[in-house]
């Protein structure tokens, strides 16, 4: 039976399953540490689906932190024609890569 869950972290929602690796907004944990997500919006498998209002009480998803890294560089370029205005900036977003270990309802 494949158990899935929808978790909320960093202002975003992620559909996760055990063994899956996902990149989430940066959290302050060291590599190899375990992290627990408590904001579970949905838990389900092939037969039963439990939907929270807005979250499911007592449900937890545990994950292992694999690495702390930064994403690809994004170039921000602003330009206004005929005004001699141009601005070029770069940005690299930090992220945490985690592997989902267990889903408990």
PDB file of N, CA and C in Angstrom:
ATOM      1  N   UNK A   1       0.830  -1.179   0.000  1.00  0.00           N
ATOM      2  CA  UNK A   1       0.000   0.000   0.000  1.00  0.00           C
ATOM      3  C   UNK A   1       0.877   1.245   0.000  1.00  0.00           C
ATOM      4  N   UNK A   2       0.629   2.096  -0.929  1.00  0.00           N
ATOM      5  CA  UNK A   2       1.387   3.335  -1.027  1.00  0.00           C
ATOM      6  C   UNK A   2       0.649   4.434  -0.269  1.00  0.00           C
ATOM      7  N   UNK A   3       1.292   4.919   0.760  1.00  0.00           N
ATOM      8  CA  UNK A   3       0.717   5.987   1.568  1.00  0.00           C
ATOM      9  C   UNK A   3       1.221   7.317   1.023  1.00  0.00           C
ATOM     10  N   UNK A   4       0.324   8.284   0.841  1.00  0.00           N
ATOM     11  CA  UNK A   4       0.727   9.618   0.409  1.00  0.00           C
ATOM     12  C   UNK A   4       0.200  10.634   1.413  1.00  0.00           C
ATOM     13  N   UNK A   5       0.828  11.807   1.393  1.00  0.00           N
ATOM     14  CA  UNK A   5       0.384  12.894   2.270  1.00  0.00           C
ATOM     15  C   UNK A   5       0.650  14.205   1.564  1.00  0.00           C
ATOM     16  N   UNK A   6      -0.102  15.228   1.943  1.00  0.00           N
ATOM     17  CA  UNK A   6       0.150  16.583   1.471  1.00  0.00           C
ATOM     18  C   UNK A   6       0.574  17.382   2.696  1.00  0.00           C
ATOM     19  N   UNK A   7       1.830  17.893   2.653  1.00  0.00           N
ATOM     20  CA  UNK A   7       2.352  18.663   3.785  1.00  0.00           C
ATOM     21  C   UNK A   7       2.477  20.124   3.392  1.00  0.00           C
ATOM     22  N   UNK A   8       2.488  20.979   4.409  1.00  0.00           N
ATOM     23  CA  UNK A   8       2.646  22.407   4.182  1.00  0.00           C
ATOM     24  C   UNK A   8       3.891  22.869   4.927  1.00  0.00           C
ATOM     25  N   UNK A   9       4.854  23.449   4.204  1.00  0.00           N
ATOM     26  CA  UNK A   9       6.064  23.978   4.814  1.00  0.00           C
ATOM     27  C   UNK A   9       6.603  25.100   3.947  1.00  0.00           C
ATOM     28  N   UNK A  10       7.077  26.139   4.581  1.00  0.00           N
ATOM     29  CA  UNK A  10       7.641  27.262   3.838  1.00  0.00           C
ATOM     30  C   UNK A  10       6.629  27.995   2.987  1.00  0.00           C
ATOM     31  N   UNK A  11       5.343  27.940   3.353  1.00  0.00           N
ATOM     32  CA  UNK A  11       4.315  28.612   2.579  1.00  0.00           C
ATOM     33  C   UNK A  11       3.898  27.879   1.315  1.00  0.00           C
ATOM     34  N   UNK A  12       4.398  26.670   1.123  1.00  0.00           N
ATOM     35  CA  UNK A  12       4.062  25.871  -0.063  1.00  0.00           C
ATOM     36  C   UNK A  12       3.523  24.517   0.382  1.00  0.00           C
ATOM     37  N   UNK A  13       2.833  23.831  -0.531  1.00  0.00           N
ATOM     38  CA  UNK A  13       2.296  22.507  -0.254  1.00  0.00           C
ATOM     39  C   UNK A  13       2.996  21.493  -1.144  1.00  0.00           C
ATOM     40  N   UNK A  14       3.303  20.315  -0.584  1.00  0.00           N
ATOM     41  CA  UNK A  14       4.009  19.268  -1.309  1.00  0.00           C
ATOM     42  C   UNK A  14       3.276  17.950  -1.127  1.00  0.00           C
ATOM     43  N   UNK A  15       3.112  17.206  -2.228  1.00  0.00           N
ATOM     44  CA  UNK A  15       2.557  15.854  -2.168  1.00  0.00           C
ATOM     45  C   UNK A  15       3.739  14.908  -2.011  1.00  0.00           C
ATOM     46  N   UNK A  16       3.763  14.119  -0.926  1.00  0.00           N
ATOM     47  CA  UNK A  16       4.922  13.294  -0.621  1.00  0.00           C
ATOM     48  C   UNK A  16       4.520  11.848  -0.387  1.00  0.00           C
ATOM     49  N   UNK A  17       5.502  10.960  -0.574  1.00  0.00           N
ATOM     50  CA  UNK A  17       5.348   9.537  -0.311  1.00  0.00           C
ATOM     51  C   UNK A  17       6.658   9.048   0.310  1.00  0.00           C
ATOM     52  N   UNK A  18       6.628   7.964   1.085  1.00  0.00           N
ATOM     53  CA  UNK A  18       7.865   7.463   1.686  1.00  0.00           C
ATOM     54  C   UNK A  18       8.909   7.113   0.622  1.00  0.00           C
ATOM     55  N   UNK A  19      10.159   7.519   0.890  1.00  0.00           N
ATOM     56  CA  UNK A  19      11.257   7.271  -0.042  1.00  0.00           C
ATOM     57  C   UNK A  19      11.470   8.381  -1.051  1.00  0.00           C
ATOM     58  N   UNK A  20      10.561   9.339  -1.117  1.00  0.00           N
ATOM     59  CA  UNK A  20      10.656  10.432  -2.090  1.00  0.00           C
ATOM     60  C   UNK A  20      11.598  11.517  -1.587  1.00  0.00           C
ATOM     61  N   UNK A  21      12.378  12.110  -2.503  1.00  0.00           N
ATOM     62  CA  UNK A  21      13.257  13.223  -2.179  1.00  0.00           C
ATOM     63  C   UNK A  21      12.648  14.500  -2.747  1.00  0.00           C
ATOM     64  N   UNK A  22      12.556  15.549  -1.903  1.00  0.00           N
ATOM     65  CA  UNK A  22      11.992  16.817  -2.353  1.00  0.00           C
ATOM     66  C   UNK A  22      12.886  17.963  -1.896  1.00  0.00           C
ATOM     67  N   UNK A  23      12.813  19.071  -2.622  1.00  0.00           N
ATOM     68  CA  UNK A  23      13.518  20.293  -2.257  1.00  0.00           C
ATOM     69  C   UNK A  23      12.495  21.257  -1.680  1.00  0.00           C
ATOM     70  N   UNK A  24      12.724  21.699  -0.441  1.00  0.00           N
ATOM     71  CA  UNK A  24      11.806  22.607   0.231  1.00  0.00           C
ATOM     72  C   UNK A  24      12.543  23.893   0.579  1.00  0.00           C
ATOM     73  N   UNK A  25      11.793  24.888   1.050  1.00  0.00           N
ATOM     74  CA  UNK A  25      12.409  26.125   1.509  1.00  0.00           C
ATOM     75  C   UNK A  25      13.374  25.801   2.644  1.00  0.00           C
ATOM     76  N   UNK A  26      14.422  26.596   2.768  1.00  0.00           N
ATOM     77  CA  UNK A  26      15.481  26.327   3.731  1.00  0.00           C
ATOM     78  C   UNK A  26      14.946  26.263   5.160  1.00  0.00           C
ATOM     79  N   UNK A  27      15.344  25.194   5.875  1.00  0.00           N
ATOM     80  CA  UNK A  27      15.057  25.060   7.296  1.00  0.00           C
ATOM     81  C   UNK A  27      16.392  24.897   8.025  1.00  0.00           C
ATOM     82  N   UNK A  28      16.434  25.319   9.275  1.00  0.00           N
ATOM     83  CA  UNK A  28      17.682  25.321  10.039  1.00  0.00           C
ATOM     84  C   UNK A  28      17.914  23.963  10.691  1.00  0.00           C
ATOM     85  N   UNK A  29      18.360  23.001   9.923  1.00  0.00           N
ATOM     86  CA  UNK A  29      18.741  21.674  10.409  1.00  0.00           C
ATOM     87  C   UNK A  29      20.042  21.274   9.727  1.00  0.00           C
ATOM     88  N   UNK A  30      20.834  20.468  10.416  1.00  0.00           N
ATOM     89  CA  UNK A  30      22.089  19.973   9.852  1.00  0.00           C
ATOM     90  C   UNK A  30      21.814  18.736   8.995  1.00  0.00           C
ATOM     91  N   UNK A  31      22.770  18.427   8.102  1.00  0.00           N
ATOM     92  CA  UNK A  31      22.641  17.244   7.257  1.00  0.00           C
ATOM     93  C   UNK A  31      22.648  15.990   8.131  1.00  0.00           C
ATOM     94  N   UNK A  32      21.739  15.069   7.838  1.00  0.00           N
ATOM     95  CA  UNK A  32      21.624  13.836   8.597  1.00  0.00           C
ATOM     96  C   UNK A  32      20.604  13.900   9.725  1.00  0.00           C
ATOM     97  N   UNK A  33      20.159  15.095  10.114  1.00  0.00           N
ATOM     98  CA  UNK A  33      19.158  15.228  11.180  1.00  0.00           C
ATOM     99  C   UNK A  33      17.776  14.861  10.659  1.00  0.00           C
ATOM    100  N   UNK A  34      16.901  14.505  11.600  1.00  0.00           N
ATOM    101  CA  UNK A  34      15.515  14.202  11.259  1.00  0.00           C
ATOM    102  C   UNK A  34      14.665  15.439  11.519  1.00  0.00           C
ATOM    103  N   UNK A  35      13.679  15.659  10.665  1.00  0.00           N
ATOM    104  CA  UNK A  35      12.754  16.786  10.816  1.00  0.00           C
ATOM    105  C   UNK A  35      11.333  16.220  10.760  1.00  0.00           C
ATOM    106  N   UNK A  36      10.427  16.807  11.568  1.00  0.00           N
ATOM    107  CA  UNK A  36       9.043  16.362  11.615  1.00  0.00           C
ATOM    108  C   UNK A  36       8.136  17.481  11.123  1.00  0.00           C
ATOM    109  N   UNK A  37       7.272  17.154  10.189  1.00  0.00           N
ATOM    110  CA  UNK A  37       6.291  18.106   9.669  1.00  0.00           C
ATOM    111  C   UNK A  37       4.950  17.807  10.335  1.00  0.00           C
ATOM    112  N   UNK A  38       4.346  18.847  10.955  1.00  0.00           N
ATOM    113  CA  UNK A  38       3.082  18.666  11.668  1.00  0.00           C
ATOM    114  C   UNK A  38       1.877  19.198  10.905  1.00  0.00           C
ATOM    115  N   UNK A  39       2.100  20.080   9.928  1.00  0.00           N
ATOM    116  CA  UNK A  39       0.990  20.633   9.140  1.00  0.00           C
ATOM    117  C   UNK A  39       0.660  19.676   7.994  1.00  0.00           C
ATOM    118  N   UNK A  40      -0.152  18.676   8.278  1.00  0.00           N
ATOM    119  CA  UNK A  40      -0.537  17.664   7.293  1.00  0.00           C
ATOM    120  C   UNK A  40      -1.958  17.990   6.836  1.00  0.00           C
ATOM    121  N   UNK A  41      -2.107  18.234   5.541  1.00  0.00           N
ATOM    122  CA  UNK A  41      -3.406  18.621   4.999  1.00  0.00           C
ATOM    123  C   UNK A  41      -4.228  17.433   4.513  1.00  0.00           C
ATOM    124  N   UNK A  42      -3.543  16.340   4.108  1.00  0.00           N
ATOM    125  CA  UNK A  42      -4.249  15.174   3.557  1.00  0.00           C
ATOM    126  C   UNK A  42      -3.380  13.946   3.756  1.00  0.00           C
ATOM    127  N   UNK A  43      -3.984  12.843   4.110  1.00  0.00           N
ATOM    128  CA  UNK A  43      -3.306  11.545   4.156  1.00  0.00           C
ATOM    129  C   UNK A  43      -4.200  10.555   3.448  1.00  0.00           C
ATOM    130  N   UNK A  44      -3.604   9.695   2.624  1.00  0.00           N
ATOM    131  CA  UNK A  44      -4.424   8.720   1.925  1.00  0.00           C
ATOM    132  C   UNK A  44      -3.624   7.561   1.369  1.00  0.00           C
ATOM    133  N   UNK A  45      -4.343   6.522   0.994  1.00  0.00           N
ATOM    134  CA  UNK A  45      -3.786   5.393   0.259  1.00  0.00           C
ATOM    135  C   UNK A  45      -4.820   4.984  -0.781  1.00  0.00           C
ATOM    136  N   UNK A  46      -4.744   3.737  -1.263  1.00  0.00           N
ATOM    137  CA  UNK A  46      -5.659   3.317  -2.323  1.00  0.00           C
ATOM    138  C   UNK A  46      -7.116   3.253  -1.866  1.00  0.00           C
ATOM    139  N   UNK A  47      -7.347   3.036  -0.556  1.00  0.00           N
ATOM    140  CA  UNK A  47      -8.703   2.822  -0.079  1.00  0.00           C
ATOM    141  C   UNK A  47      -9.278   3.994   0.717  1.00  0.00           C
ATOM    142  N   UNK A  48      -8.457   4.593   1.586  1.00  0.00           N
ATOM    143  CA  UNK A  48      -8.972   5.604   2.512  1.00  0.00           C
ATOM    144  C   UNK A  48      -8.252   6.932   2.298  1.00  0.00           C
ATOM    145  N   UNK A  49      -9.015   8.027   2.286  1.00  0.00           N
ATOM    146  CA  UNK A  49      -8.450   9.369   2.191  1.00  0.00           C
ATOM    147  C   UNK A  49      -8.988  10.176   3.361  1.00  0.00           C
ATOM    148  N   UNK A  50      -8.066  10.801   4.117  1.00  0.00           N
ATOM    149  CA  UNK A  50      -8.441  11.629   5.257  1.00  0.00           C
ATOM    150  C   UNK A  50      -8.039  13.066   4.954  1.00  0.00           C
ATOM    151  N   UNK A  51      -9.007  13.975   4.919  1.00  0.00           N
ATOM    152  CA  UNK A  51      -8.762  15.377   4.591  1.00  0.00           C
ATOM    153  C   UNK A  51      -8.907  16.205   5.852  1.00  0.00           C
ATOM    154  N   UNK A  52      -7.927  17.066   6.122  1.00  0.00           N
ATOM    155  CA  UNK A  52      -7.954  17.897   7.312  1.00  0.00           C
ATOM    156  C   UNK A  52      -8.799  19.138   7.141  1.00  0.00           C
ATOM    157  N   UNK A  53      -9.168  19.735   8.283  1.00  0.00           N
ATOM    158  CA  UNK A  53      -9.953  20.977   8.262  1.00  0.00           C
ATOM    159  C   UNK A  53      -9.340  22.012   9.184  1.00  0.00           C
ATOM    160  N   UNK A  54      -8.310  22.718   8.916  1.00  0.00           N
ATOM    161  CA  UNK A  54      -7.459  22.650   7.738  1.00  0.00           C
ATOM    162  C   UNK A  54      -6.346  21.615   7.846  1.00  0.00           C
ATOM    163  N   UNK A  55      -5.972  21.181   9.079  1.00  0.00           N
ATOM    164  CA  UNK A  55      -4.914  20.176   9.218  1.00  0.00           C
ATOM    165  C   UNK A  55      -5.462  18.965   9.957  1.00  0.00           C
ATOM    166  N   UNK A  56      -4.757  17.838   9.824  1.00  0.00           N
ATOM    167  CA  UNK A  56      -5.140  16.608  10.511  1.00  0.00           C
ATOM    168  C   UNK A  56      -4.408  16.576  11.849  1.00  0.00           C
ATOM    169  N   UNK A  57      -5.169  16.500  12.940  1.00  0.00           N
ATOM    170  CA  UNK A  57      -4.578  16.489  14.278  1.00  0.00           C
ATOM    171  C   UNK A  57      -3.866  15.162  14.531  1.00  0.00           C
ATOM    172  N   UNK A  58      -2.658  15.225  15.069  1.00  0.00           N
ATOM    173  CA  UNK A  58      -1.910  14.024  15.431  1.00  0.00           C
ATOM    174  C   UNK A  58      -1.142  13.380  14.299  1.00  0.00           C
ATOM    175  N   UNK A  59      -1.303  13.842  13.087  1.00  0.00           N
ATOM    176  CA  UNK A  59      -0.588  13.262  11.945  1.00  0.00           C
ATOM    177  C   UNK A  59       0.808  13.877  11.852  1.00  0.00           C
ATOM    178  N   UNK A  60       1.775  13.053  11.470  1.00  0.00           N
ATOM    179  CA  UNK A  60       3.157  13.524  11.355  1.00  0.00           C
ATOM    180  C   UNK A  60       3.826  12.876  10.151  1.00  0.00           C
ATOM    181  N   UNK A  61       4.703  13.643   9.525  1.00  0.00           N
ATOM    182  CA  UNK A  61       5.558  13.123   8.463  1.00  0.00           C
ATOM    183  C   UNK A  61       6.989  13.379   8.908  1.00  0.00           C
ATOM    184  N   UNK A  62       7.796  12.321   8.970  1.00  0.00           N
ATOM    185  CA  UNK A  62       9.198  12.484   9.352  1.00  0.00           C
ATOM    186  C   UNK A  62      10.060  12.370   8.115  1.00  0.00           C
ATOM    187  N   UNK A  63      11.119  13.184   8.090  1.00  0.00           N
ATOM    188  CA  UNK A  63      12.015  13.215   6.942  1.00  0.00           C
ATOM    189  C   UNK A  63      13.447  13.379   7.426  1.00  0.00           C
ATOM    190  N   UNK A  64      14.381  12.972   6.592  1.00  0.00           N
ATOM    191  CA  UNK A  64      15.811  13.091   6.895  1.00  0.00           C
ATOM    192  C   UNK A  64      16.396  14.158   5.987  1.00  0.00           C
ATOM    193  N   UNK A  65      17.156  15.083   6.574  1.00  0.00           N
ATOM    194  CA  UNK A  65      17.785  16.158   5.798  1.00  0.00           C
ATOM    195  C   UNK A  65      18.978  15.573   5.049  1.00  0.00           C
ATOM    196  N   UNK A  66      18.961  15.687   3.724  1.00  0.00           N
ATOM    197  CA  UNK A  66      20.058  15.176   2.907  1.00  0.00           C
ATOM    198  C   UNK A  66      21.125  16.227   2.664  1.00  0.00           C
ATOM    199  N   UNK A  67      20.707  17.453   2.304  1.00  0.00           N
ATOM    200  CA  UNK A  67      21.696  18.508   2.093  1.00  0.00           C
ATOM    201  C   UNK A  67      21.065  19.886   2.146  1.00  0.00           C
ATOM    202  N   UNK A  68      21.909  20.862   2.473  1.00  0.00           N
ATOM    203  CA  UNK A  68      21.562  22.278   2.428  1.00  0.00           C
ATOM    204  C   UNK A  68      22.322  22.851   1.240  1.00  0.00           C
ATOM    205  N   UNK A  69      21.641  23.510   0.325  1.00  0.00           N
ATOM    206  CA  UNK A  69      22.304  23.973  -0.898  1.00  0.00           C
ATOM    207  C   UNK A  69      21.610  25.231  -1.408  1.00  0.00           C
ATOM    208  N   UNK A  70      22.107  25.727  -2.529  1.00  0.00           N
ATOM    209  CA  UNK A  70      21.505  26.875  -3.196  1.00  0.00           C
ATOM    210  C   UNK A  70      21.189  26.487  -4.633  1.00  0.00           C
ATOM    211  N   UNK A  71      20.100  27.036  -5.156  1.00  0.00           N
ATOM    212  CA  UNK A  71      19.647  26.703  -6.498  1.00  0.00           C
ATOM    213  C   UNK A  71      20.450  27.415  -7.573  1.00  0.00           C
ATOM    214  N   UNK A  72      19.987  27.257  -8.802  1.00  0.00           N
ATOM    215  CA  UNK A  72      20.625  27.920  -9.937  1.00  0.00           C
ATOM    216  C   UNK A  72      20.440  29.421  -9.849  1.00  0.00           C
ATOM    217  N   UNK A  73      21.370  30.165 -10.443  1.00  0.00           N
ATOM    218  CA  UNK A  73      21.280  31.621 -10.436  1.00  0.00           C
ATOM    219  C   UNK A  73      20.195  32.079 -11.406  1.00  0.00           C
ATOM    220  N   UNK A  74      19.397  33.023 -10.936  1.00  0.00           N
ATOM    221  CA  UNK A  74      18.354  33.632 -11.758  1.00  0.00           C
ATOM    222  C   UNK A  74      18.766  35.072 -12.015  1.00  0.00           C
ATOM    223  N   UNK A  75      18.718  35.494 -13.264  1.00  0.00           N
ATOM    224  CA  UNK A  75      19.087  36.855 -13.638  1.00  0.00           C
ATOM    225  C   UNK A  75      17.830  37.716 -13.698  1.00  0.00           C
ATOM    226  N   UNK A  76      17.875  38.857 -12.992  1.00  0.00           N
ATOM    227  CA  UNK A  76      16.785  39.835 -13.033  1.00  0.00           C
ATOM    228  C   UNK A  76      17.306  41.026 -13.830  1.00  0.00           C
ATOM    229  N   UNK A  77      16.660  41.347 -14.943  1.00  0.00           N
ATOM    230  CA  UNK A  77      17.111  42.445 -15.791  1.00  0.00           C
ATOM    231  C   UNK A  77      15.948  43.384 -16.043  1.00  0.00           C
ATOM    232  N   UNK A  78      16.112  44.646 -15.636  1.00  0.00           N
ATOM    233  CA  UNK A  78      15.082  45.665 -15.850  1.00  0.00           C
ATOM    234  C   UNK A  78      15.610  46.651 -16.879  1.00  0.00           C
ATOM    235  N   UNK A  79      14.725  47.073 -17.786  1.00  0.00           N
ATOM    236  CA  UNK A  79      15.150  47.949 -18.876  1.00  0.00           C
ATOM    237  C   UNK A  79      13.997  48.847 -19.286  1.00  0.00           C
ATOM    238  N   UNK A  80      14.288  50.121 -19.447  1.00  0.00           N
ATOM    239  CA  UNK A  80      13.283  51.058 -19.964  1.00  0.00           C
ATOM    240  C   UNK A  80      13.870  51.724 -21.205  1.00  0.00           C
ATOM    241  N   UNK A  81      13.218  51.530 -22.339  1.00  0.00           N
ATOM    242  CA  UNK A  81      13.769  52.090 -23.573  1.00  0.00           C
ATOM    243  C   UNK A  81      13.744  53.621 -23.575  1.00  0.00           C
ATOM    244  N   UNK A  82      14.739  54.202 -24.216  1.00  0.00           N
ATOM    245  CA  UNK A  82      14.870  55.654 -24.424  1.00  0.00           C
ATOM    246  C   UNK A  82      15.084  56.434 -23.130  1.00  0.00           C
ATOM    247  N   UNK A  83      15.359  55.771 -22.011  1.00  0.00           N
ATOM    248  CA  UNK A  83      15.528  56.460 -20.738  1.00  0.00           C
ATOM    249  C   UNK A  83      16.906  56.215 -20.115  1.00  0.00           C
ATOM    250  N   UNK A  84      17.762  55.455 -20.764  1.00  0.00           N
ATOM    251  CA  UNK A  84      19.086  55.094 -20.253  1.00  0.00           C
ATOM    252  C   UNK A  84      19.001  54.417 -18.882  1.00  0.00           C
ATOM    253  N   UNK A  85      18.011  53.562 -18.734  1.00  0.00           N
ATOM    254  CA  UNK A  85      17.809  52.844 -17.473  1.00  0.00           C
ATOM    255  C   UNK A  85      17.929  51.359 -17.715  1.00  0.00           C
ATOM    256  N   UNK A  86      18.878  50.731 -17.043  1.00  0.00           N
ATOM    257  CA  UNK A  86      18.948  49.279 -17.033  1.00  0.00           C
ATOM    258  C   UNK A  86      19.616  48.825 -15.740  1.00  0.00           C
ATOM    259  N   UNK A  87      19.051  47.788 -15.155  1.00  0.00           N
ATOM    260  CA  UNK A  87      19.537  47.235 -13.901  1.00  0.00           C
ATOM    261  C   UNK A  87      19.640  45.724 -14.071  1.00  0.00           C
ATOM    262  N   UNK A  88      20.772  45.154 -13.684  1.00  0.00           N
ATOM    263  CA  UNK A  88      20.967  43.711 -13.763  1.00  0.00           C
ATOM    264  C   UNK A  88      21.305  43.191 -12.365  1.00  0.00           C
ATOM    265  N   UNK A  89      20.534  42.226 -11.904  1.00  0.00           N
ATOM    266  CA  UNK A  89      20.745  41.618 -10.598  1.00  0.00           C
ATOM    267  C   UNK A  89      20.704  40.105 -10.750  1.00  0.00           C
ATOM    268  N   UNK A  90      21.308  39.417  -9.800  1.00  0.00           N
ATOM    269  CA  UNK A  90      21.259  37.965  -9.765  1.00  0.00           C
ATOM    270  C   UNK A  90      20.740  37.493  -8.422  1.00  0.00           C
ATOM    271  N   UNK A  91      20.199  36.284  -8.392  1.00  0.00           N
ATOM    272  CA  UNK A  91      19.647  35.740  -7.155  1.00  0.00           C
ATOM    273  C   UNK A  91      19.790  34.226  -7.162  1.00  0.00           C
ATOM    274  N   UNK A  92      20.214  33.659  -6.021  1.00  0.00           N
ATOM    275  CA  UNK A  92      20.243  32.211  -5.828  1.00  0.00           C
ATOM    276  C   UNK A  92      19.453  31.885  -4.574  1.00  0.00           C
ATOM    277  N   UNK A  93      18.409  31.103  -4.721  1.00  0.00           N
ATOM    278  CA  UNK A  93      17.545  30.749  -3.600  1.00  0.00           C
ATOM    279  C   UNK A  93      18.128  29.564  -2.838  1.00  0.00           C
ATOM    280  N   UNK A  94      18.166  29.650  -1.519  1.00  0.00           N
ATOM    281  CA  UNK A  94      18.620  28.538  -0.686  1.00  0.00           C
ATOM    282  C   UNK A  94      17.492  27.519  -0.543  1.00  0.00           C
ATOM    283  N   UNK A  95      17.864  26.237  -0.462  1.00  0.00           N
ATOM    284  CA  UNK A  95      16.870  25.186  -0.269  1.00  0.00           C
ATOM    285  C   UNK A  95      17.449  24.080   0.603  1.00  0.00           C
ATOM    286  N   UNK A  96      16.561  23.232   1.101  1.00  0.00           N
ATOM    287  CA  UNK A  96      16.933  22.048   1.864  1.00  0.00           C
ATOM    288  C   UNK A  96      16.358  20.847   1.141  1.00  0.00           C
ATOM    289  N   UNK A  97      17.195  19.855   0.872  1.00  0.00           N
ATOM    290  CA  UNK A  97      16.711  18.629   0.246  1.00  0.00           C
ATOM    291  C   UNK A  97      16.473  17.590   1.336  1.00  0.00           C
ATOM    292  N   UNK A  98      15.265  17.037   1.378  1.00  0.00           N
ATOM    293  CA  UNK A  98      14.899  16.055   2.388  1.00  0.00           C
ATOM    294  C   UNK A  98      14.365  14.786   1.726  1.00  0.00           C
ATOM    295  N   UNK A  99      14.518  13.674   2.434  1.00  0.00           N
ATOM    296  CA  UNK A  99      13.954  12.393   1.995  1.00  0.00           C
ATOM    297  C   UNK A  99      12.887  11.990   2.986  1.00  0.00           C
ATOM    298  N   UNK A 100      11.689  11.709   2.495  1.00  0.00           N
ATOM    299  CA  UNK A 100      10.575  11.331   3.358  1.00  0.00           C
ATOM    300  C   UNK A 100      10.812   9.908   3.871  1.00  0.00           C
ATOM    301  N   UNK A 101      10.778   9.755   5.203  1.00  0.00           N
ATOM    302  CA  UNK A 101      11.045   8.461   5.828  1.00  0.00           C
ATOM    303  C   UNK A 101       9.749   7.752   6.199  1.00  0.00           C
ATOM    304  N   UNK A 102       8.829   8.479   6.859  1.00  0.00           N
ATOM    305  CA  UNK A 102       7.643   7.807   7.386  1.00  0.00           C
ATOM    306  C   UNK A 102       6.450   8.772   7.406  1.00  0.00           C
ATOM    307  N   UNK A 103       5.260   8.215   7.219  1.00  0.00           N
ATOM    308  CA  UNK A 103       4.011   8.974   7.311  1.00  0.00           C
ATOM    309  C   UNK A 103       3.151   8.273   8.352  1.00  0.00           C
ATOM    310  N   UNK A 104       2.768   9.032   9.410  1.00  0.00           N
ATOM    311  CA  UNK A 104       1.916   8.472  10.462  1.00  0.00           C
ATOM    312  C   UNK A 104       0.645   9.292  10.600  1.00  0.00           C
ATOM    313  N   UNK A 105      -0.494   8.618  10.652  1.00  0.00           N
ATOM    314  CA  UNK A 105      -1.768   9.346  10.780  1.00  0.00           C
ATOM    315  C   UNK A 105      -2.264   9.343  12.211  1.00  0.00           C
TER     316      UNK A 105
END
